[in-house]
Amino acid sequence: MREETAKNSRFFKLYNSVNTRIYSFLLIIVHNHDDAEELLQETATIMWEQFDQYQEGTHFGAWAIAIARNKAMEFLRKNKKTRMV
């Protein structure tokens, strides 16, 4: 239980340090606040689910942006017929 609490604390500390940067990155790509916010939530969920795969000591922001980029590209592919990029 204590180990899980430490993991939660570590994740949220790291996530809070990059949250704004991820949102800004997504907004630049999708040009819509609502879409960027939704993608941010999806990115955070994936980051949490895959946090065990994150290698401690590597650049957390780069890892987070890579996940966000994948979510944004998936979003653009799904919406390319209805949205102009």
C-alpha atoms as a PDB file:
ATOM      1  CA  MET A   1       0.000   0.000   0.000  1.00  0.00           C
ATOM      2  CA  ARG A   2       2.804   2.391   0.891  1.00  0.00           C
ATOM      3  CA  GLU A   3       4.552   1.635  -2.399  1.00  0.00           C
ATOM      4  CA  GLU A   4       1.348   2.457  -4.323  1.00  0.00           C
ATOM      5  CA  THR A   5       1.022   5.765  -2.470  1.00  0.00           C
ATOM      6  CA  ALA A   6       4.619   6.640  -3.335  1.00  0.00           C
ATOM      7  CA  LYS A   7       3.953   5.771  -6.988  1.00  0.00           C
ATOM      8  CA  ASN A   8       0.845   7.983  -7.018  1.00  0.00           C
ATOM      9  CA  SER A   9       2.712  10.855  -5.444  1.00  0.00           C
ATOM     10  CA  ARG A  10       5.625  10.532  -7.872  1.00  0.00           C
ATOM     11  CA  PHE A  11       3.315  10.435 -10.890  1.00  0.00           C
ATOM     12  CA  PHE A  12       1.250  13.454  -9.879  1.00  0.00           C
ATOM     13  CA  LYS A  13       4.317  15.502  -9.031  1.00  0.00           C
ATOM     14  CA  LEU A  14       5.830  14.764 -12.442  1.00  0.00           C
ATOM     15  CA  TYR A  15       2.520  15.212 -14.263  1.00  0.00           C
ATOM     16  CA  ASN A  16       1.819  18.566 -12.628  1.00  0.00           C
ATOM     17  CA  SER A  17       5.233  19.788 -13.745  1.00  0.00           C
ATOM     18  CA  VAL A  18       4.386  19.184 -17.440  1.00  0.00           C
ATOM     19  CA  ASN A  19       0.591  19.575 -17.545  1.00  0.00           C
ATOM     20  CA  THR A  20       0.596  23.110 -19.005  1.00  0.00           C
ATOM     21  CA  ARG A  21       3.260  22.261 -21.564  1.00  0.00           C
ATOM     22  CA  ILE A  22       1.294  19.239 -22.787  1.00  0.00           C
ATOM     23  CA  TYR A  23      -1.914  21.270 -23.071  1.00  0.00           C
ATOM     24  CA  SER A  24      -0.121  24.015 -25.026  1.00  0.00           C
ATOM     25  CA  PHE A  25       1.432  21.433 -27.342  1.00  0.00           C
ATOM     26  CA  LEU A  26      -1.966  19.855 -28.024  1.00  0.00           C
ATOM     27  CA  LEU A  27      -3.630  23.223 -28.573  1.00  0.00           C
ATOM     28  CA  ILE A  28      -1.036  24.147 -31.189  1.00  0.00           C
ATOM     29  CA  ILE A  29      -1.831  20.943 -33.059  1.00  0.00           C
ATOM     30  CA  VAL A  30      -5.639  20.851 -32.853  1.00  0.00           C
ATOM     31  CA  HIS A  31      -6.434  24.609 -32.641  1.00  0.00           C
ATOM     32  CA  ASN A  32      -9.419  24.066 -30.349  1.00  0.00           C
ATOM     33  CA  HIS A  33      -9.510  24.426 -26.555  1.00  0.00           C
ATOM     34  CA  ASP A  34     -12.173  21.762 -26.008  1.00  0.00           C
ATOM     35  CA  ASP A  35     -10.377  19.221 -28.186  1.00  0.00           C
ATOM     36  CA  ALA A  36      -7.030  20.019 -26.537  1.00  0.00           C
ATOM     37  CA  GLU A  37      -8.571  19.581 -23.081  1.00  0.00           C
ATOM     38  CA  GLU A  38     -10.108  16.240 -24.051  1.00  0.00           C
ATOM     39  CA  LEU A  39      -6.822  15.060 -25.537  1.00  0.00           C
ATOM     40  CA  LEU A  40      -5.004  16.185 -22.392  1.00  0.00           C
ATOM     41  CA  GLN A  41      -7.301  14.015 -20.281  1.00  0.00           C
ATOM     42  CA  GLU A  42      -6.800  11.047 -22.604  1.00  0.00           C
ATOM     43  CA  THR A  43      -3.041  11.607 -22.524  1.00  0.00           C
ATOM     44  CA  ALA A  44      -3.033  11.735 -18.722  1.00  0.00           C
ATOM     45  CA  THR A  45      -4.992   8.493 -18.587  1.00  0.00           C
ATOM     46  CA  ILE A  46      -2.527   6.735 -20.870  1.00  0.00           C
ATOM     47  CA  MET A  47       0.398   8.153 -18.925  1.00  0.00           C
ATOM     48  CA  TRP A  48      -1.071   6.825 -15.683  1.00  0.00           C
ATOM     49  CA  GLU A  49      -1.789   3.405 -17.181  1.00  0.00           C
ATOM     50  CA  GLN A  50       1.741   3.171 -18.602  1.00  0.00           C
ATOM     51  CA  PHE A  51       3.604   4.837 -15.732  1.00  0.00           C
ATOM     52  CA  ASP A  52       5.209   1.511 -14.820  1.00  0.00           C
ATOM     53  CA  GLN A  53       6.901   1.626 -18.239  1.00  0.00           C
ATOM     54  CA  TYR A  54       8.363   5.092 -17.624  1.00  0.00           C
ATOM     55  CA  GLN A  55      12.062   4.776 -16.865  1.00  0.00           C
ATOM     56  CA  GLU A  56      12.909   6.785 -13.762  1.00  0.00           C
ATOM     57  CA  GLY A  57      15.611   9.343 -14.479  1.00  0.00           C
ATOM     58  CA  THR A  58      14.681   9.874 -18.117  1.00  0.00           C
ATOM     59  CA  HIS A  59      13.002  13.073 -19.308  1.00  0.00           C
ATOM     60  CA  PHE A  60       9.387  12.812 -18.163  1.00  0.00           C
ATOM     61  CA  GLY A  61       8.308  15.766 -20.328  1.00  0.00           C
ATOM     62  CA  ALA A  62       9.625  14.141 -23.499  1.00  0.00           C
ATOM     63  CA  TRP A  63       7.835  10.905 -22.609  1.00  0.00           C
ATOM     64  CA  ALA A  64       4.604  12.808 -21.970  1.00  0.00           C
ATOM     65  CA  ILE A  65       4.843  14.834 -25.194  1.00  0.00           C
ATOM     66  CA  ALA A  66       5.411  11.643 -27.206  1.00  0.00           C
ATOM     67  CA  ILE A  67       2.186  10.191 -25.816  1.00  0.00           C
ATOM     68  CA  ALA A  68       0.341  13.476 -26.450  1.00  0.00           C
ATOM     69  CA  ARG A  69       1.656  13.614 -30.019  1.00  0.00           C
ATOM     70  CA  ASN A  70       0.374  10.100 -30.690  1.00  0.00           C
ATOM     71  CA  LYS A  71      -3.066  11.004 -29.291  1.00  0.00           C
ATOM     72  CA  ALA A  72      -3.164  14.205 -31.367  1.00  0.00           C
ATOM     73  CA  MET A  73      -2.175  12.427 -34.573  1.00  0.00           C
ATOM     74  CA  GLU A  74      -4.815   9.764 -33.946  1.00  0.00           C
ATOM     75  CA  PHE A  75      -7.370  12.537 -33.354  1.00  0.00           C
ATOM     76  CA  LEU A  76      -6.422  14.321 -36.589  1.00  0.00           C
ATOM     77  CA  ARG A  77      -6.611  11.099 -38.607  1.00  0.00           C
ATOM     78  CA  LYS A  78     -10.087  10.339 -37.250  1.00  0.00           C
ATOM     79  CA  ASN A  79     -11.322  13.870 -37.865  1.00  0.00           C
ATOM     80  CA  LYS A  80      -9.602  14.751 -41.125  1.00  0.00           C
ATOM     81  CA  LYS A  81     -12.837  14.542 -43.120  1.00  0.00           C
ATOM     82  CA  THR A  82     -14.676  16.947 -40.848  1.00  0.00           C
ATOM     83  CA  ARG A  83     -11.894  19.391 -39.897  1.00  0.00           C
ATOM     84  CA  MET A  84      -9.543  21.579 -41.800  1.00  0.00           C
ATOM     85  CA  VAL A  85      -5.998  21.475 -40.486  1.00  0.00           C
END
